[in-house]
Protein backbone atom coordinates (compact mmCIF):
# COMPACT_ATOMS: atom_id res chain seq x y z
CA UNK A 1 114.35 -4.68 -49.83
CA UNK A 2 115.81 -3.64 -53.23
CA UNK A 3 113.36 -3.34 -56.12
CA UNK A 4 113.71 -5.30 -59.34
CA UNK A 5 115.17 -3.26 -62.24
CA UNK A 6 111.81 -3.26 -64.03
CA UNK A 7 109.90 -1.90 -61.02
CA UNK A 8 108.08 1.39 -61.77
CA UNK A 9 107.62 3.10 -58.42
CA UNK A 10 105.54 5.92 -59.85
CA UNK A 11 102.96 3.37 -61.04
CA UNK A 12 102.87 1.86 -57.56
CA UNK A 13 102.27 5.28 -56.05
CA UNK A 14 99.59 6.18 -58.57
CA UNK A 15 97.68 2.99 -57.76
CA UNK A 16 98.11 3.70 -54.05
CA UNK A 17 96.44 7.08 -54.57
CA UNK A 18 93.44 5.38 -56.19
CA UNK A 19 93.25 2.81 -53.36
CA UNK A 20 93.24 5.58 -50.76
CA UNK A 21 89.58 6.15 -51.60
CA UNK A 22 87.07 3.66 -50.20
CA UNK A 23 83.58 3.47 -48.71
CA UNK A 24 84.72 5.29 -45.56
CA UNK A 25 86.82 7.85 -47.46
CA UNK A 26 84.83 8.85 -50.53
CA UNK A 27 86.27 12.37 -50.51
CA UNK A 28 89.81 13.27 -49.47
CA UNK A 29 91.86 16.44 -49.31
CA UNK A 30 95.32 16.68 -50.78
CA UNK A 31 96.77 16.32 -47.27
CA UNK A 32 94.60 13.24 -46.60
CA UNK A 33 95.93 11.52 -49.73
CA UNK A 34 99.54 12.45 -48.97
CA UNK A 35 99.21 11.05 -45.47
CA UNK A 36 97.43 7.86 -46.52
CA UNK A 37 99.99 7.09 -49.24
CA UNK A 38 103.14 8.27 -47.46
CA UNK A 39 103.75 10.95 -50.09
CA UNK A 40 104.78 14.56 -49.91
CA UNK A 41 102.02 17.06 -50.65
CA UNK A 42 103.76 17.99 -53.88
CA UNK A 43 103.90 14.36 -55.06
CA UNK A 44 100.30 13.69 -54.03
CA UNK A 45 99.24 16.80 -55.93
CA UNK A 46 100.98 15.63 -59.12
CA UNK A 47 99.35 12.20 -58.95
CA UNK A 48 95.90 13.60 -58.19
CA UNK A 49 96.03 16.18 -60.96
CA UNK A 50 97.28 13.58 -63.45
CA UNK A 51 94.45 11.22 -62.49
CA UNK A 52 92.03 14.14 -62.79
CA UNK A 53 93.29 14.93 -66.30
CA UNK A 54 92.86 11.24 -67.22
CA UNK A 55 89.28 11.26 -65.90
CA UNK A 56 89.78 8.83 -63.00
CA UNK A 57 89.52 11.47 -60.25
CA UNK A 58 87.41 14.59 -59.93
CA UNK A 59 87.76 17.60 -57.64
CA UNK A 60 85.91 20.72 -56.54
CA UNK A 61 89.20 22.44 -55.90
CA UNK A 62 89.59 21.23 -52.33
CA UNK A 63 88.18 17.70 -52.08
CA UNK A 64 89.07 14.86 -54.43
CA UNK A 65 86.96 11.77 -55.20
CA UNK A 66 87.01 8.90 -57.66
CA UNK A 67 85.19 9.40 -60.95
CA UNK A 68 83.02 6.73 -62.61
CA UNK A 69 85.74 6.13 -65.19
CA UNK A 70 87.75 4.25 -62.56
CA UNK A 71 85.30 1.39 -63.16
CA UNK A 72 87.04 0.85 -66.49
CA UNK A 73 89.95 -0.65 -64.56
CA UNK A 74 87.72 -3.33 -63.07
CA UNK A 75 85.93 -3.81 -66.38
CA UNK A 76 89.21 -4.72 -68.06
CA UNK A 77 89.70 -7.45 -65.47
CA UNK A 78 86.16 -8.79 -65.70
CA UNK A 79 86.23 -8.83 -69.49
CA UNK A 80 89.13 -11.29 -69.39
CA UNK A 81 87.41 -13.78 -67.11
CA UNK A 82 85.70 -17.02 -68.08
CA UNK A 83 82.35 -18.10 -66.66
CA UNK A 84 83.88 -20.28 -63.89
CA UNK A 85 86.22 -17.48 -62.83
CA UNK A 86 83.36 -15.00 -62.72
CA UNK A 87 81.12 -17.39 -60.79
CA UNK A 88 83.51 -18.85 -58.24
CA UNK A 89 83.56 -15.99 -55.70
CA UNK A 90 79.76 -15.91 -55.82
CA UNK A 91 79.63 -19.68 -55.20
CA UNK A 92 81.94 -19.22 -52.23
CA UNK A 93 79.70 -16.52 -50.75
CA UNK A 94 76.61 -18.64 -51.36
CA UNK A 95 78.16 -21.66 -49.62
CA UNK A 96 79.26 -19.51 -46.67
CA UNK A 97 75.70 -18.23 -46.40
CA UNK A 98 73.72 -21.48 -46.68
CA UNK A 99 76.36 -24.00 -45.50
CA UNK A 100 75.59 -26.36 -48.38
CA UNK A 101 77.64 -27.30 -51.44
CA UNK A 102 77.24 -25.32 -54.65
CA UNK A 103 78.30 -26.01 -58.23
CA UNK A 104 78.29 -24.46 -61.66
CA UNK A 105 77.75 -26.51 -64.81
CA UNK A 106 77.25 -26.12 -68.54
CA UNK A 107 75.35 -28.28 -71.02
CA UNK A 108 77.61 -30.42 -73.20
CA UNK A 109 75.65 -32.63 -75.54
CA UNK A 110 73.17 -34.54 -73.38
CA UNK A 111 75.16 -34.12 -70.16
CA UNK A 112 75.91 -31.40 -67.67
CA UNK A 113 79.60 -30.87 -67.02
CA UNK A 114 80.77 -29.34 -63.75
CA UNK A 115 83.01 -26.34 -64.39
CA UNK A 116 83.20 -24.94 -60.84
CA UNK A 117 82.39 -26.34 -57.42
CA UNK A 118 82.59 -25.24 -53.80
CA UNK A 119 81.84 -28.24 -51.54
CA UNK A 120 81.07 -28.36 -47.84
CA UNK A 121 80.88 -32.10 -47.24
CA UNK A 122 80.60 -35.13 -49.45
CA UNK A 123 76.96 -36.17 -49.79
CA UNK A 124 77.16 -38.34 -52.90
CA UNK A 125 78.69 -41.76 -53.43
CA UNK A 126 80.44 -40.41 -56.50
CA UNK A 127 83.04 -37.70 -55.89
CA UNK A 128 82.21 -34.54 -57.84
CA UNK A 129 85.06 -32.54 -59.32
CA UNK A 130 85.46 -30.04 -62.12
CA UNK A 131 84.91 -32.10 -65.27
CA UNK A 132 82.40 -34.52 -63.70
CA UNK A 133 79.50 -35.33 -66.04
CA UNK A 134 75.93 -36.36 -65.25
CA UNK A 135 72.94 -36.92 -67.54
CA UNK A 136 71.07 -33.64 -67.87
CA UNK A 137 67.59 -35.13 -67.49
CA UNK A 138 68.20 -36.31 -63.90
CA UNK A 139 69.88 -33.18 -62.49
CA UNK A 140 68.53 -29.82 -61.40
CA UNK A 141 71.16 -27.92 -63.39
CA UNK A 142 70.48 -30.08 -66.42
CA UNK A 143 66.77 -29.34 -66.26
CA UNK A 144 67.16 -25.56 -66.14
CA UNK A 145 69.53 -25.80 -69.12
CA UNK A 146 67.14 -28.07 -71.00
CA UNK A 147 64.37 -25.59 -70.20
CA UNK A 148 66.42 -22.90 -71.97
CA UNK A 149 66.46 -24.86 -75.24
CA UNK A 150 64.13 -23.98 -78.10
CA UNK A 151 61.24 -26.34 -78.69
CA UNK A 152 63.02 -27.75 -81.74
CA UNK A 153 66.18 -28.39 -79.73
CA UNK A 154 64.18 -29.93 -76.89
CA UNK A 155 62.31 -32.20 -79.31
CA UNK A 156 65.63 -33.42 -80.70
CA UNK A 157 67.00 -34.02 -77.20
CA UNK A 158 63.95 -36.01 -76.09
CA UNK A 159 64.07 -38.07 -79.28
CA UNK A 160 67.69 -39.15 -78.80
CA UNK A 161 68.25 -39.13 -75.03
CA UNK A 162 68.38 -42.48 -73.30
CA UNK A 163 66.28 -41.90 -70.18
CA UNK A 164 67.11 -44.48 -67.54
CA UNK A 165 65.66 -44.71 -64.01
CA UNK A 166 68.73 -43.98 -61.91
CA UNK A 167 66.59 -44.27 -58.76
CA UNK A 168 62.96 -45.22 -58.27
CA UNK A 169 62.14 -41.48 -58.33
CA UNK A 170 63.79 -40.62 -61.65
CA UNK A 171 61.55 -39.15 -64.34
CA UNK A 172 62.40 -41.49 -67.20
CA UNK A 173 59.67 -41.02 -69.79
CA UNK A 174 59.87 -38.35 -72.51
CA UNK A 175 56.33 -37.11 -71.87
CA UNK A 176 56.78 -36.70 -68.13
CA UNK A 177 60.18 -35.08 -68.61
CA UNK A 178 58.76 -32.63 -71.15
CA UNK A 179 56.04 -31.64 -68.68
CA UNK A 180 58.59 -31.17 -65.90
CA UNK A 181 60.83 -29.06 -68.14
CA UNK A 182 57.84 -26.87 -69.02
CA UNK A 183 57.23 -26.37 -65.31
CA UNK A 184 60.89 -25.49 -64.75
CA UNK A 185 60.75 -23.01 -67.62
CA UNK A 186 57.71 -21.33 -66.12
CA UNK A 187 59.03 -21.06 -62.56
CA UNK A 188 62.64 -20.25 -63.43
CA UNK A 189 64.30 -22.89 -61.29
CA UNK A 190 64.43 -26.67 -60.86
CA UNK A 191 64.31 -28.89 -57.80
CA UNK A 192 65.30 -32.53 -58.22
CA UNK A 193 64.37 -34.84 -55.36
CA UNK A 194 66.57 -37.95 -55.21
CA UNK A 195 66.38 -38.65 -58.94
CA UNK A 196 70.13 -38.77 -59.57
CA UNK A 197 71.00 -40.49 -56.32
CA UNK A 198 69.02 -41.60 -53.27
CA UNK A 199 69.34 -39.09 -50.45
CA UNK A 200 70.35 -36.17 -52.68
CA UNK A 201 68.18 -33.12 -53.29
CA UNK A 202 69.31 -30.30 -55.53
CA UNK A 203 68.00 -26.86 -56.44
CA UNK A 204 69.25 -24.99 -59.52
CA UNK A 205 68.81 -21.73 -61.41
CA UNK A 206 70.06 -20.67 -64.85
CA UNK A 207 72.86 -18.19 -65.51
CA UNK A 208 72.09 -15.99 -68.53
CA UNK A 209 74.50 -13.81 -70.45
CA UNK A 210 73.82 -10.27 -71.68
CA UNK A 211 71.89 -11.68 -74.66
CA UNK A 212 69.59 -13.72 -72.42
CA UNK A 213 71.17 -17.02 -73.44
CA UNK A 214 71.62 -19.63 -70.70
CA UNK A 215 75.40 -19.83 -70.37
CA UNK A 216 75.29 -22.24 -67.45
CA UNK A 217 73.48 -23.17 -64.26
CA UNK A 218 74.22 -22.88 -60.56
CA UNK A 219 72.92 -25.21 -57.87
CA UNK A 220 72.82 -25.96 -54.18
CA UNK A 221 72.78 -29.60 -53.14
CA UNK A 222 71.68 -30.97 -49.78
CA UNK A 223 71.15 -34.36 -48.15
CA UNK A 224 67.47 -35.27 -48.03
CA UNK A 225 67.65 -35.98 -44.31
CA UNK A 226 68.50 -32.34 -43.58
CA UNK A 227 65.56 -30.62 -45.26
CA UNK A 228 62.22 -31.34 -46.88
CA UNK A 229 61.45 -30.14 -50.39
CA UNK A 230 59.38 -27.26 -49.00
CA UNK A 231 62.14 -26.29 -46.56
CA UNK A 232 64.69 -26.29 -49.38
CA UNK A 233 62.60 -23.91 -51.46
CA UNK A 234 61.95 -21.66 -48.49
CA UNK A 235 65.53 -21.55 -47.17
CA UNK A 236 67.74 -22.05 -50.21
CA UNK A 237 65.87 -20.62 -53.20
CA UNK A 238 66.17 -16.89 -52.31
CA UNK A 239 69.96 -16.96 -51.77
CA UNK A 240 70.42 -19.18 -54.83
CA UNK A 241 68.52 -16.74 -57.05
CA UNK A 242 70.49 -13.83 -55.59
CA UNK A 243 73.76 -15.61 -56.38
CA UNK A 244 72.59 -16.37 -59.92
CA UNK A 245 71.67 -12.71 -60.44
CA UNK A 246 75.05 -11.57 -59.14
CA UNK A 247 76.88 -13.96 -61.48
CA UNK A 248 74.76 -12.75 -64.39
CA UNK A 249 75.56 -9.12 -63.59
CA UNK A 250 79.31 -9.80 -63.61
CA UNK A 251 79.05 -12.04 -66.66
CA UNK A 252 77.27 -9.33 -68.64
CA UNK A 253 79.98 -6.84 -67.76
CA UNK A 254 82.63 -9.34 -68.75
CA UNK A 255 81.21 -10.43 -72.11
CA UNK A 256 80.47 -7.33 -74.16
CA UNK A 257 79.05 -7.92 -77.60
CA UNK A 258 78.75 -11.68 -77.29
């Protein structure tokens, strides 16, 4: 197939040389690289030596391997991503692991707004999509984000928020909500048991940026008939916290200086 006029084949080949290295091929000879990339030995040598001069490859004279500087290429990609883009692959892995729906939200005023979601099955009467809003006080993600507020900010929220009993389990008094938020702050996660909707249980953890500021929250939601509160904590909390940590790690790489 003919190439477009703009196509730079040497760039393609240089990237192919970098991709020749992987977990099973950490060190390669010149002949190995030439064979893997379909290059002549002379061409492979030119690419490898150029990459060595640029600091992306290192060599002992016979074997070649990638140098840490190659991480800069991935850093450039991560630094351009938004929080939902950073989080989404981690949500997908979490859902594949626990077989329950997972979402990412941010605090917007007195509500949480969903900015990413990977569903498994619909367990709420209301369809949840990116952009869906729920009152922060009645959601697990809202509570971990409220727990990240300063005391002054939390005081202001509790003074203005209209706390309504959405179910007969909803915490709807400022004093009780303050106590629950303090508990969430201490334990580092929130579990809401059928307070937003009957039959829905949700577990959430905060996502913090490199400055320790809560940039969002990630949750796992499950129908109450499928697991007790204790079972949810035992089965879902460890993978949820691992996913949150992985998102934080990528987010900190992708947001230098913020």
